[in-house]
Amino acid sequence: MRVTTADIQRMTTALFISEGPTARSRQATFWTLLILAAVIASAGVAADSTATVIGAMIVAPLMTPIVGTALAIVLNDHRNLTSSALLVVAGAAGVVATGYLVGLFVPIEIVAATNSQVAGRVTPQLIDLLAALATGAVGAFALVRADVSDALPGVAIAISLVPPLAVVGLTLESGAPDQALGALLLFATNVAAIIATGTLVFLLFQVRTAAGEAERFVGPLRGASLVTVAAALLVVAVPLSAISQHVLRQNADKIAAAPVAAAWAEQEQWTITGIAFSGSVLRIEAIGPAPEADPGTLRTALDEAGLADVDVDVTLVIGGTRRLPATG
């Protein structure tokens, strides 16, 4: 199972956009598409529009230099490794800056509490790493096998590169640096996964051998390069593991708190309308008739249920449903 010399020419032409006589034109195309994708993604996140964000994923060309970095590692091509890596870093910075600028024109704060696009990208978990590894493998496979290149648009949608960077810029502008850090971790996770799986796929398809037959320079493959790739995965896996454990613990606390809150509300002749974590605080919303329900008894019940270490905010709404007949 290996690629041909023709495949090598096709892959290097597609991935090393700083190489060859058309490098300047291809770089201009890359930056044009990237900035437009950044604007689309930022606008989509600000409008909380999933369809618009998906459009940005398809347009964004950022995966090209990331996979190019993996190919350069396999070939031990220092020149293209440097240019591809710099292009990834510069491109990421450009998208963050674009997101920040778009945020300046939005009159409201774009944060996880009020925006589902942000909320879905600021708490990455180990499952995101698993998905990124699989998606990166599909992307690399589609590049070495020209007959399955039709899968690339699906890969672009599945792997989240530009949207989390747009979230970084938008949340920074909204004064939420902790959420920006979470979105940046998601981007770093996806980049590390693409490079790792791309490196593995290229090695399995004997890209080095085919490149040598194509009379392309192939440097000696050093173990330090592969160790660095593995270390990058480990670096992102550690915080992802911590976040995953935190989310699992919060889900367990929410499940334990739900029947306690329901029993308290029934006793008070009120109704629970919402229960969810916001950051590290469990927020419980309830509605009912006057007089106001006693939140102190809820705190006692939660403590007795083993939730004494959970901070709780209770929102009590006095009232109910009122019908307003049409007057026209």
Protein backbone atom coordinates (compact mmCIF):
# COMPACT_ATOMS: atom_id res chain seq x y z
CA MET A 1 0.00 0.00 0.00
CA ARG A 2 1.88 3.03 -1.27
CA VAL A 3 1.49 6.16 -3.37
CA THR A 4 2.98 6.69 -6.83
CA THR A 5 5.38 9.32 -8.08
CA ALA A 6 2.41 11.04 -9.75
CA ASP A 7 0.66 11.15 -6.37
CA ILE A 8 3.72 12.78 -4.83
CA GLN A 9 3.65 15.53 -7.46
CA ARG A 10 -0.06 16.07 -6.88
CA MET A 11 0.26 16.13 -3.08
CA THR A 12 3.26 18.44 -2.89
CA THR A 13 1.68 20.83 -5.37
CA ALA A 14 -1.52 20.90 -3.32
CA LEU A 15 0.06 21.18 0.14
CA PHE A 16 3.26 23.20 -0.28
CA ILE A 17 1.71 26.48 -1.39
CA SER A 18 4.95 28.41 -0.82
CA GLU A 19 6.77 26.26 -3.38
CA GLY A 20 6.95 26.54 -7.14
CA PRO A 21 6.49 29.24 -9.77
CA THR A 22 2.85 29.89 -8.80
CA ALA A 23 3.61 30.27 -5.08
CA ARG A 24 2.79 33.99 -4.97
CA SER A 25 -0.58 33.50 -6.65
CA ARG A 26 -1.47 30.53 -4.44
CA GLN A 27 -0.52 32.41 -1.29
CA ALA A 28 -2.72 35.32 -2.36
CA THR A 29 -5.59 32.91 -2.91
CA PHE A 30 -4.96 31.31 0.49
CA TRP A 31 -5.09 34.62 2.35
CA THR A 32 -8.13 35.86 0.44
CA LEU A 33 -10.12 32.72 1.19
CA LEU A 34 -8.93 32.62 4.81
CA ILE A 35 -9.93 36.19 5.63
CA LEU A 36 -13.29 35.76 3.91
CA ALA A 37 -13.84 32.51 5.83
CA ALA A 38 -12.89 34.33 9.05
CA VAL A 39 -15.48 37.03 8.37
CA ILE A 40 -18.14 34.44 7.56
CA ALA A 41 -17.32 32.39 10.68
CA SER A 42 -17.26 35.44 12.93
CA ALA A 43 -20.57 36.70 11.57
CA GLY A 44 -22.06 33.22 11.87
CA VAL A 45 -20.96 32.87 15.49
CA ALA A 46 -22.20 36.38 16.32
CA ALA A 47 -25.58 35.60 14.74
CA ASP A 48 -25.61 32.13 16.37
CA SER A 49 -26.15 30.62 12.91
CA THR A 50 -24.97 27.03 12.42
CA ALA A 51 -25.50 27.14 8.65
CA THR A 52 -23.30 30.21 8.26
CA VAL A 53 -20.54 28.67 10.38
CA ILE A 54 -20.63 25.51 8.26
CA GLY A 55 -20.21 27.70 5.18
CA ALA A 56 -17.06 29.15 6.69
CA MET A 57 -15.70 25.65 7.33
CA ILE A 58 -16.04 24.75 3.66
CA VAL A 59 -14.39 27.94 2.42
CA ALA A 60 -11.50 27.96 4.91
CA PRO A 61 -8.16 26.75 3.45
CA LEU A 62 -6.35 26.43 6.79
CA MET A 63 -6.20 22.65 6.67
CA THR A 64 -3.84 22.79 3.67
CA PRO A 65 -0.73 24.11 5.50
CA ILE A 66 -1.54 21.93 8.52
CA VAL A 67 -1.48 18.75 6.44
CA GLY A 68 1.49 20.24 4.58
CA THR A 69 3.30 20.40 7.93
CA ALA A 70 2.68 16.66 8.38
CA LEU A 71 4.00 15.91 4.89
CA ALA A 72 7.08 18.06 5.48
CA ILE A 73 7.75 16.16 8.73
CA VAL A 74 7.57 12.81 6.90
CA LEU A 75 9.90 14.05 4.13
CA ASN A 76 12.09 15.90 6.66
CA ASP A 77 11.79 18.93 4.38
CA HIS A 78 12.90 21.76 6.67
CA ARG A 79 12.09 24.53 4.22
CA ASN A 80 8.48 23.51 3.67
CA LEU A 81 8.08 22.53 7.32
CA THR A 82 9.03 26.03 8.36
CA SER A 83 6.89 27.77 5.72
CA SER A 84 3.85 25.56 6.40
CA ALA A 85 4.09 25.96 10.18
CA LEU A 86 4.51 29.72 9.90
CA LEU A 87 1.52 29.87 7.58
CA VAL A 88 -0.60 28.03 10.16
CA VAL A 89 0.47 30.38 12.96
CA ALA A 90 0.05 33.53 10.87
CA GLY A 91 -3.28 32.33 9.50
CA ALA A 92 -4.56 31.56 13.00
CA ALA A 93 -3.52 35.01 14.22
CA GLY A 94 -5.27 36.58 11.23
CA VAL A 95 -8.54 34.79 11.98
CA VAL A 96 -8.40 35.76 15.68
CA ALA A 97 -7.80 39.40 14.73
CA THR A 98 -10.69 39.29 12.27
CA GLY A 99 -12.98 37.84 14.93
CA TYR A 100 -11.97 40.58 17.34
CA LEU A 101 -12.68 43.29 14.75
CA VAL A 102 -16.08 41.82 13.91
CA GLY A 103 -16.86 41.78 17.63
CA LEU A 104 -16.35 45.53 17.77
CA PHE A 105 -19.39 45.99 15.54
CA VAL A 106 -21.66 43.74 17.62
CA PRO A 107 -23.47 45.66 20.39
CA ILE A 108 -23.85 42.65 22.71
CA GLU A 109 -21.33 40.39 24.41
CA ILE A 110 -20.72 37.16 22.50
CA VAL A 111 -20.15 34.62 25.25
CA ALA A 112 -21.12 31.04 26.06
CA ALA A 113 -24.01 32.00 28.33
CA THR A 114 -25.97 33.59 25.47
CA ASN A 115 -24.55 31.98 22.31
CA SER A 116 -24.69 28.27 21.45
CA GLN A 117 -21.91 28.56 18.85
CA VAL A 118 -19.56 29.84 21.54
CA ALA A 119 -20.79 27.39 24.18
CA GLY A 120 -20.05 24.46 21.89
CA ARG A 121 -16.41 25.48 21.41
CA VAL A 122 -15.07 26.68 24.75
CA THR A 123 -15.07 23.42 26.72
CA PRO A 124 -13.32 20.85 24.50
CA GLN A 125 -13.07 17.31 25.86
CA LEU A 126 -11.23 14.08 25.08
CA ILE A 127 -14.04 13.07 22.73
CA ASP A 128 -13.12 16.10 20.60
CA LEU A 129 -9.56 14.78 20.31
CA LEU A 130 -10.88 11.37 19.23
CA ALA A 131 -13.09 12.97 16.59
CA ALA A 132 -10.21 15.15 15.38
CA LEU A 133 -7.89 12.13 15.06
CA ALA A 134 -10.43 10.26 12.96
CA THR A 135 -11.23 13.30 10.83
CA GLY A 136 -7.54 14.05 10.28
CA ALA A 137 -6.97 10.46 9.16
CA VAL A 138 -9.81 10.76 6.63
CA GLY A 139 -8.39 14.04 5.34
CA ALA A 140 -4.90 12.61 4.86
CA PHE A 141 -6.32 9.46 3.26
CA ALA A 142 -8.36 11.55 0.83
CA LEU A 143 -5.19 13.39 -0.18
CA VAL A 144 -3.06 10.30 -0.84
CA ARG A 145 -5.93 8.64 -2.70
CA ALA A 146 -7.15 10.85 -5.52
CA ASP A 147 -10.17 8.58 -6.05
CA VAL A 148 -11.64 9.56 -2.66
CA SER A 149 -10.93 13.30 -2.85
CA ASP A 150 -14.69 13.93 -2.88
CA ALA A 151 -14.56 13.32 0.87
CA LEU A 152 -12.62 16.55 1.48
CA PRO A 153 -15.67 18.85 1.78
CA GLY A 154 -17.01 16.54 4.50
CA VAL A 155 -13.66 16.67 6.24
CA ALA A 156 -13.72 20.47 6.09
CA ILE A 157 -17.10 20.46 7.83
CA ALA A 158 -16.14 17.83 10.41
CA ILE A 159 -12.87 19.44 11.52
CA SER A 160 -13.30 22.76 13.29
CA LEU A 161 -10.43 25.14 12.51
CA VAL A 162 -11.58 28.65 11.64
CA PRO A 163 -14.74 28.80 13.85
CA PRO A 164 -12.91 28.25 17.16
CA LEU A 165 -10.36 30.89 16.17
CA ALA A 166 -13.21 33.29 15.41
CA VAL A 167 -14.61 32.47 18.86
CA VAL A 168 -11.22 33.32 20.37
CA GLY A 169 -11.34 36.79 18.85
CA LEU A 170 -15.00 37.39 19.66
CA THR A 171 -14.73 36.29 23.29
CA LEU A 172 -11.55 38.28 23.82
CA GLU A 173 -13.38 41.37 22.58
CA SER A 174 -16.28 40.50 24.90
CA GLY A 175 -13.95 40.32 27.91
CA ALA A 176 -14.04 36.53 28.42
CA PRO A 177 -10.39 35.40 28.19
CA ASP A 178 -11.11 32.06 29.88
CA GLN A 179 -13.56 31.16 27.12
CA ALA A 180 -11.08 32.36 24.50
CA LEU A 181 -8.50 30.00 25.99
CA GLY A 182 -10.94 27.10 25.75
CA ALA A 183 -11.63 27.80 22.07
CA LEU A 184 -7.89 28.10 21.42
CA LEU A 185 -7.40 24.69 23.06
CA LEU A 186 -9.98 23.21 20.67
CA PHE A 187 -8.08 24.65 17.70
CA ALA A 188 -4.75 23.35 19.04
CA THR A 189 -6.34 19.93 19.57
CA ASN A 190 -7.51 19.76 15.98
CA VAL A 191 -4.14 20.93 14.62
CA ALA A 192 -2.21 18.38 16.70
CA ALA A 193 -4.59 15.60 15.64
CA ILE A 194 -4.36 16.47 11.94
CA ILE A 195 -0.57 16.55 12.01
CA ALA A 196 -0.35 13.29 13.99
CA THR A 197 -2.76 11.29 11.83
CA GLY A 198 -1.42 12.88 8.65
CA THR A 199 2.11 11.82 9.58
CA LEU A 200 0.93 8.28 10.29
CA VAL A 201 -1.07 7.96 7.07
CA PHE A 202 1.81 9.31 4.96
CA LEU A 203 4.20 6.82 6.54
CA LEU A 204 1.78 3.91 6.01
CA PHE A 205 1.43 4.82 2.34
CA GLN A 206 5.25 4.89 1.96
CA VAL A 207 5.32 8.50 0.86
CA ARG A 208 9.05 8.72 1.58
CA THR A 209 9.87 5.90 -0.83
CA ALA A 210 7.68 7.32 -3.58
CA ALA A 211 9.15 10.79 -3.09
CA GLY A 212 12.66 9.39 -3.51
CA GLU A 213 11.62 7.67 -6.73
CA ALA A 214 10.20 10.99 -7.91
CA GLU A 215 13.69 12.45 -7.36
CA ARG A 216 12.44 14.76 -4.67
CA PHE A 217 14.66 15.57 -1.72
CA VAL A 218 13.91 13.31 1.25
CA GLY A 219 15.86 13.92 4.44
CA PRO A 220 16.52 11.21 7.03
CA LEU A 221 13.49 10.59 9.21
CA ARG A 222 14.48 11.45 12.76
CA GLY A 223 12.88 9.92 15.82
CA ALA A 224 12.85 13.34 17.47
CA SER A 225 10.32 14.54 14.89
CA LEU A 226 7.92 11.71 15.63
CA VAL A 227 8.40 12.19 19.38
CA THR A 228 7.55 15.87 18.97
CA VAL A 229 4.32 14.98 17.15
CA ALA A 230 3.36 12.51 19.89
CA ALA A 231 4.27 15.04 22.59
CA ALA A 232 1.97 17.62 20.99
CA LEU A 233 -0.92 15.18 21.32
CA LEU A 234 -0.03 14.57 24.96
CA VAL A 235 0.15 18.30 25.67
CA VAL A 236 -3.43 18.85 24.49
CA ALA A 237 -4.70 15.56 25.98
CA VAL A 238 -3.84 16.58 29.54
CA PRO A 239 -6.12 19.66 29.77
CA LEU A 240 -8.77 17.88 27.70
CA SER A 241 -8.78 15.06 30.25
CA ALA A 242 -9.14 17.54 33.11
CA ILE A 243 -12.03 19.32 31.38
CA SER A 244 -13.72 15.98 30.62
CA GLN A 245 -13.54 14.94 34.27
CA HIS A 246 -14.92 18.33 35.33
CA VAL A 247 -17.85 18.07 32.91
CA LEU A 248 -18.61 14.49 34.00
CA ARG A 249 -18.59 15.59 37.63
CA GLN A 250 -20.96 18.47 36.88
CA ASN A 251 -23.31 16.17 34.96
CA ALA A 252 -23.37 13.80 37.92
CA ASP A 253 -24.12 16.70 40.29
CA LYS A 254 -26.89 17.97 38.03
CA ILE A 255 -28.47 14.52 37.85
CA ALA A 256 -28.30 14.22 41.64
CA ALA A 257 -29.72 17.71 42.17
CA ALA A 258 -32.68 17.36 39.78
CA PRO A 259 -34.92 15.10 41.94
CA VAL A 260 -34.02 17.07 45.08
CA ALA A 261 -35.04 20.34 43.41
CA ALA A 262 -38.21 18.75 42.03
CA ALA A 263 -39.22 17.47 45.47
CA TRP A 264 -38.54 20.88 47.03
CA ALA A 265 -40.57 22.65 44.33
CA GLU A 266 -43.50 20.26 44.76
CA GLN A 267 -43.50 20.85 48.50
CA GLU A 268 -43.51 24.60 47.92
CA GLN A 269 -46.19 24.22 45.19
CA TRP A 270 -43.75 25.61 42.65
CA THR A 271 -42.34 24.21 39.39
CA ILE A 272 -38.69 23.79 38.31
CA THR A 273 -38.24 25.36 34.87
CA GLY A 274 -34.51 24.90 34.42
CA ILE A 275 -31.43 23.37 35.97
CA ALA A 276 -27.95 23.67 34.46
CA PHE A 277 -24.38 24.60 35.25
CA SER A 278 -23.03 28.01 34.32
CA GLY A 279 -19.32 27.84 34.89
CA SER A 280 -18.92 26.22 38.30
CA VAL A 281 -22.34 27.35 39.60
CA LEU A 282 -25.48 25.22 39.42
CA ARG A 283 -28.34 27.47 38.37
CA ILE A 284 -31.87 26.41 39.28
CA GLU A 285 -34.90 28.29 37.99
CA ALA A 286 -38.36 27.90 39.46
CA ILE A 287 -41.73 29.53 38.98
CA GLY A 288 -44.76 29.58 41.24
CA PRO A 289 -47.40 31.63 43.05
CA ALA A 290 -46.85 34.05 45.91
CA PRO A 291 -45.52 33.91 48.49
CA GLU A 292 -41.96 33.26 47.32
CA ALA A 293 -40.62 29.76 47.91
CA ASP A 294 -37.95 29.38 50.59
CA PRO A 295 -34.55 28.75 48.92
CA GLY A 296 -33.01 27.99 52.31
CA THR A 297 -34.88 24.69 52.52
CA LEU A 298 -33.56 23.79 49.05
CA ARG A 299 -30.00 24.44 50.19
CA THR A 300 -30.55 22.16 53.17
CA ALA A 301 -31.99 19.41 50.98
CA LEU A 302 -29.07 19.63 48.55
CA ASP A 303 -26.59 19.44 51.43
CA GLU A 304 -28.31 16.32 52.75
CA ALA A 305 -28.09 14.81 49.26
CA GLY A 306 -24.29 15.16 49.31
CA LEU A 307 -24.10 18.37 47.26
CA ALA A 308 -22.79 20.64 50.01
CA ASP A 309 -19.72 21.54 47.91
CA VAL A 310 -21.80 22.76 44.95
CA ASP A 311 -22.50 26.49 44.65
CA VAL A 312 -26.13 27.08 43.68
CA ASP A 313 -27.92 30.14 42.32
CA VAL A 314 -31.72 30.00 42.55
CA THR A 315 -33.91 32.20 40.38
CA LEU A 316 -37.46 32.46 41.69
CA VAL A 317 -40.17 33.84 39.41
CA ILE A 318 -43.50 34.67 41.02
CA GLY A 319 -46.36 34.43 38.56
CA GLY A 320 -47.85 32.09 36.04
CA THR A 321 -49.43 31.90 32.63
CA ARG A 322 -51.93 34.61 31.69
CA ARG A 323 -54.02 34.59 28.55
CA LEU A 324 -54.45 37.93 26.80
CA PRO A 325 -57.48 37.63 24.45
CA ALA A 326 -57.30 39.37 21.10
CA THR A 327 -58.98 42.78 21.06
CA GLY A 328 -59.06 43.40 17.34
